[in-house]
Amino acid sequence: MDIPITGFIVHNGYSDEDHTHILYLTSWDGKPMHVHDFSGVTSVEIGHHHQYAGTTEPAPSGVQHCHYYCTVTSVNSGHKHTIKGTTGPALPLSGGGHYHYFEGCTTVDGLTPHAHFYCGHTGNAIADSRC
């Protein structure tokens, strides 16, 4: 079964022989794609926390969906962590649109190896994104 998609390809600006272009999808099976911004602060572990921000991977609009996400935290106490995962399903907003809940643990890093917990909601629609 073929699924029609539309999008465009741009040069990534790097000289990496394996990945010279980036594909941006704009529709999947006739439905427009969309993304969400996300940001937050990790839990405090061994006396510090990290900030993070990013944009989810695209997903189709108008159908139930989740988004993949991946970003790197701020550098605190001489190290950083990676966070990645999949959001929960779309949660409707009373005025239209939707948001997603996300949570997880960072990678284990640091001179004293440790991880941090993080959680929040995508987008600016939720004023209080504490978990």
C-alpha atoms as a PDB file:
ATOM      1  CA  MET A   1       0.000   0.000   0.000  1.00  0.00           C
ATOM      2  CA  ASP A   2       1.448   3.357  -1.028  1.00  0.00           C
ATOM      3  CA  ILE A   3       1.015   6.352   1.284  1.00  0.00           C
ATOM      4  CA  PRO A   4       1.318   9.701  -0.506  1.00  0.00           C
ATOM      5  CA  ILE A   5       3.720  12.155   1.128  1.00  0.00           C
ATOM      6  CA  THR A   6       4.921  15.636   0.203  1.00  0.00           C
ATOM      7  CA  GLY A   7       7.936  17.537   1.423  1.00  0.00           C
ATOM      8  CA  PHE A   8      11.244  18.978   0.400  1.00  0.00           C
ATOM      9  CA  ILE A   9      14.941  18.191   0.703  1.00  0.00           C
ATOM     10  CA  VAL A  10      17.645  20.691   1.664  1.00  0.00           C
ATOM     11  CA  HIS A  11      21.414  20.390   1.906  1.00  0.00           C
ATOM     12  CA  ASN A  12      22.410  19.994   5.558  1.00  0.00           C
ATOM     13  CA  GLY A  13      25.479  22.235   5.288  1.00  0.00           C
ATOM     14  CA  TYR A  14      27.887  19.525   6.440  1.00  0.00           C
ATOM     15  CA  SER A  15      30.379  17.523   4.420  1.00  0.00           C
ATOM     16  CA  ASP A  16      29.291  14.198   5.939  1.00  0.00           C
ATOM     17  CA  GLU A  17      29.259  11.760   3.003  1.00  0.00           C
ATOM     18  CA  ASP A  18      26.447   9.680   4.527  1.00  0.00           C
ATOM     19  CA  HIS A  19      24.028  12.526   5.354  1.00  0.00           C
ATOM     20  CA  THR A  20      24.295  15.427   2.933  1.00  0.00           C
ATOM     21  CA  HIS A  21      20.586  16.354   2.887  1.00  0.00           C
ATOM     22  CA  ILE A  22      17.649  16.659   5.269  1.00  0.00           C
ATOM     23  CA  LEU A  23      14.122  15.582   4.303  1.00  0.00           C
ATOM     24  CA  TYR A  24      11.276  17.743   5.656  1.00  0.00           C
ATOM     25  CA  LEU A  25       7.833  16.169   5.305  1.00  0.00           C
ATOM     26  CA  THR A  26       4.926  18.579   4.895  1.00  0.00           C
ATOM     27  CA  SER A  27       2.068  16.072   4.500  1.00  0.00           C
ATOM     28  CA  TRP A  28       1.428  12.379   5.175  1.00  0.00           C
ATOM     29  CA  ASP A  29      -1.457  10.589   3.480  1.00  0.00           C
ATOM     30  CA  GLY A  30      -2.979  13.962   2.550  1.00  0.00           C
ATOM     31  CA  LYS A  31      -2.804  15.375   6.121  1.00  0.00           C
ATOM     32  CA  PRO A  32      -0.491  18.302   6.964  1.00  0.00           C
ATOM     33  CA  MET A  33       2.408  17.626   9.342  1.00  0.00           C
ATOM     34  CA  HIS A  34       3.065  19.672  12.476  1.00  0.00           C
ATOM     35  CA  VAL A  35       5.576  19.929  15.336  1.00  0.00           C
ATOM     36  CA  HIS A  36       5.551  21.216  18.931  1.00  0.00           C
ATOM     37  CA  ASP A  37       8.162  23.080  20.935  1.00  0.00           C
ATOM     38  CA  PHE A  38       8.992  21.758  24.405  1.00  0.00           C
ATOM     39  CA  SER A  39      11.196  22.912  27.272  1.00  0.00           C
ATOM     40  CA  GLY A  40      11.721  22.422  30.956  1.00  0.00           C
ATOM     41  CA  VAL A  41      14.051  21.764  33.859  1.00  0.00           C
ATOM     42  CA  THR A  42      15.195  18.345  35.025  1.00  0.00           C
ATOM     43  CA  SER A  43      15.052  17.040  38.579  1.00  0.00           C
ATOM     44  CA  VAL A  44      17.851  17.974  40.978  1.00  0.00           C
ATOM     45  CA  GLU A  45      20.396  15.185  41.338  1.00  0.00           C
ATOM     46  CA  ILE A  46      23.731  15.394  43.183  1.00  0.00           C
ATOM     47  CA  GLY A  47      23.213  19.110  43.753  1.00  0.00           C
ATOM     48  CA  HIS A  48      22.305  20.365  40.283  1.00  0.00           C
ATOM     49  CA  HIS A  49      19.677  20.363  37.524  1.00  0.00           C
ATOM     50  CA  HIS A  50      19.709  20.982  33.762  1.00  0.00           C
ATOM     51  CA  GLN A  51      17.521  23.027  31.427  1.00  0.00           C
ATOM     52  CA  TYR A  52      16.404  21.678  28.058  1.00  0.00           C
ATOM     53  CA  ALA A  53      14.471  22.833  24.999  1.00  0.00           C
ATOM     54  CA  GLY A  54      13.692  21.386  21.593  1.00  0.00           C
ATOM     55  CA  THR A  55      11.155  20.714  18.878  1.00  0.00           C
ATOM     56  CA  THR A  56       9.381  17.402  18.359  1.00  0.00           C
ATOM     57  CA  GLU A  57       9.608  15.379  15.181  1.00  0.00           C
ATOM     58  CA  PRO A  58       6.724  16.014  12.727  1.00  0.00           C
ATOM     59  CA  ALA A  59       3.462  14.064  12.942  1.00  0.00           C
ATOM     60  CA  PRO A  60       0.263  14.196  10.863  1.00  0.00           C
ATOM     61  CA  SER A  61      -2.457  16.670  11.813  1.00  0.00           C
ATOM     62  CA  GLY A  62      -6.114  15.769  12.247  1.00  0.00           C
ATOM     63  CA  VAL A  63      -5.540  12.191  13.478  1.00  0.00           C
ATOM     64  CA  GLN A  64      -4.553  10.727  16.843  1.00  0.00           C
ATOM     65  CA  HIS A  65      -0.748  10.715  17.071  1.00  0.00           C
ATOM     66  CA  CYS A  66       2.371  10.960  19.225  1.00  0.00           C
ATOM     67  CA  HIS A  67       5.690  12.689  18.513  1.00  0.00           C
ATOM     68  CA  TYR A  68       9.276  11.540  18.899  1.00  0.00           C
ATOM     69  CA  TYR A  69      11.590  14.035  20.589  1.00  0.00           C
ATOM     70  CA  CYS A  70      15.306  14.314  21.289  1.00  0.00           C
ATOM     71  CA  THR A  71      17.483  17.132  22.646  1.00  0.00           C
ATOM     72  CA  VAL A  72      20.548  17.785  24.778  1.00  0.00           C
ATOM     73  CA  THR A  73      20.407  19.523  28.159  1.00  0.00           C
ATOM     74  CA  SER A  74      22.365  22.561  29.254  1.00  0.00           C
ATOM     75  CA  VAL A  75      25.884  21.999  30.582  1.00  0.00           C
ATOM     76  CA  ASN A  76      25.887  22.080  34.384  1.00  0.00           C
ATOM     77  CA  SER A  77      28.580  20.744  36.726  1.00  0.00           C
ATOM     78  CA  GLY A  78      30.787  20.136  33.681  1.00  0.00           C
ATOM     79  CA  HIS A  79      28.493  17.764  31.783  1.00  0.00           C
ATOM     80  CA  LYS A  80      25.259  17.458  29.802  1.00  0.00           C
ATOM     81  CA  HIS A  81      22.649  14.737  29.213  1.00  0.00           C
ATOM     82  CA  THR A  82      20.530  13.601  26.274  1.00  0.00           C
ATOM     83  CA  ILE A  83      16.776  13.279  26.615  1.00  0.00           C
ATOM     84  CA  LYS A  84      14.693  11.387  24.074  1.00  0.00           C
ATOM     85  CA  GLY A  85      11.431   9.545  23.887  1.00  0.00           C
ATOM     86  CA  THR A  86       7.885   9.601  22.577  1.00  0.00           C
ATOM     87  CA  THR A  87       5.165  11.952  23.787  1.00  0.00           C
ATOM     88  CA  GLY A  88       1.813  10.721  24.942  1.00  0.00           C
ATOM     89  CA  PRO A  89      -1.193  11.018  22.620  1.00  0.00           C
ATOM     90  CA  ALA A  90      -2.677  14.359  21.605  1.00  0.00           C
ATOM     91  CA  LEU A  91      -4.721  16.003  24.395  1.00  0.00           C
ATOM     92  CA  PRO A  92      -7.365  18.464  23.146  1.00  0.00           C
ATOM     93  CA  LEU A  93      -7.441  22.108  24.241  1.00  0.00           C
ATOM     94  CA  SER A  94     -10.801  23.753  24.966  1.00  0.00           C
ATOM     95  CA  GLY A  95     -10.156  26.509  22.404  1.00  0.00           C
ATOM     96  CA  GLY A  96      -8.991  24.082  19.715  1.00  0.00           C
ATOM     97  CA  GLY A  97      -5.645  22.513  19.030  1.00  0.00           C
ATOM     98  CA  HIS A  98      -3.862  20.066  21.305  1.00  0.00           C
ATOM     99  CA  TYR A  99      -0.763  19.397  23.378  1.00  0.00           C
ATOM    100  CA  HIS A 100       1.187  16.325  24.516  1.00  0.00           C
ATOM    101  CA  TYR A 101       2.539  15.119  27.872  1.00  0.00           C
ATOM    102  CA  PHE A 102       6.082  13.734  27.979  1.00  0.00           C
ATOM    103  CA  GLU A 103       8.347  12.293  30.660  1.00  0.00           C
ATOM    104  CA  GLY A 104      11.458  10.185  31.063  1.00  0.00           C
ATOM    105  CA  CYS A 105      14.990   9.918  32.388  1.00  0.00           C
ATOM    106  CA  THR A 106      18.086  11.456  30.851  1.00  0.00           C
ATOM    107  CA  THR A 107      21.126   9.490  29.797  1.00  0.00           C
ATOM    108  CA  VAL A 108      23.618   8.650  32.555  1.00  0.00           C
ATOM    109  CA  ASP A 109      26.522  11.129  32.443  1.00  0.00           C
ATOM    110  CA  GLY A 110      28.803  13.178  34.705  1.00  0.00           C
ATOM    111  CA  LEU A 111      31.966  12.684  36.717  1.00  0.00           C
ATOM    112  CA  THR A 112      29.741  10.962  39.263  1.00  0.00           C
ATOM    113  CA  PRO A 113      27.500   9.015  36.846  1.00  0.00           C
ATOM    114  CA  HIS A 114      23.835   9.896  37.328  1.00  0.00           C
ATOM    115  CA  ALA A 115      20.582  10.578  35.465  1.00  0.00           C
ATOM    116  CA  HIS A 116      17.786  13.141  35.923  1.00  0.00           C
ATOM    117  CA  PHE A 117      13.991  12.814  35.654  1.00  0.00           C
ATOM    118  CA  TYR A 118      12.111  15.243  33.398  1.00  0.00           C
ATOM    119  CA  CYS A 119       8.477  15.777  32.425  1.00  0.00           C
ATOM    120  CA  GLY A 120       6.217  18.424  30.943  1.00  0.00           C
ATOM    121  CA  HIS A 121       3.768  19.417  28.240  1.00  0.00           C
ATOM    122  CA  THR A 122       4.525  20.491  24.677  1.00  0.00           C
ATOM    123  CA  GLY A 123       3.822  23.990  23.447  1.00  0.00           C
ATOM    124  CA  ASN A 124       2.887  27.193  25.236  1.00  0.00           C
ATOM    125  CA  ALA A 125      -0.745  26.219  25.778  1.00  0.00           C
ATOM    126  CA  ILE A 126      -0.259  25.011  29.351  1.00  0.00           C
ATOM    127  CA  ALA A 127       0.854  27.750  31.749  1.00  0.00           C
ATOM    128  CA  ASP A 128       1.891  25.321  34.508  1.00  0.00           C
ATOM    129  CA  SER A 129       3.936  22.458  33.052  1.00  0.00           C
ATOM    130  CA  ARG A 130       4.975  20.943  36.395  1.00  0.00           C
ATOM    131  CA  CYS A 131       4.391  17.208  36.500  1.00  0.00           C
END
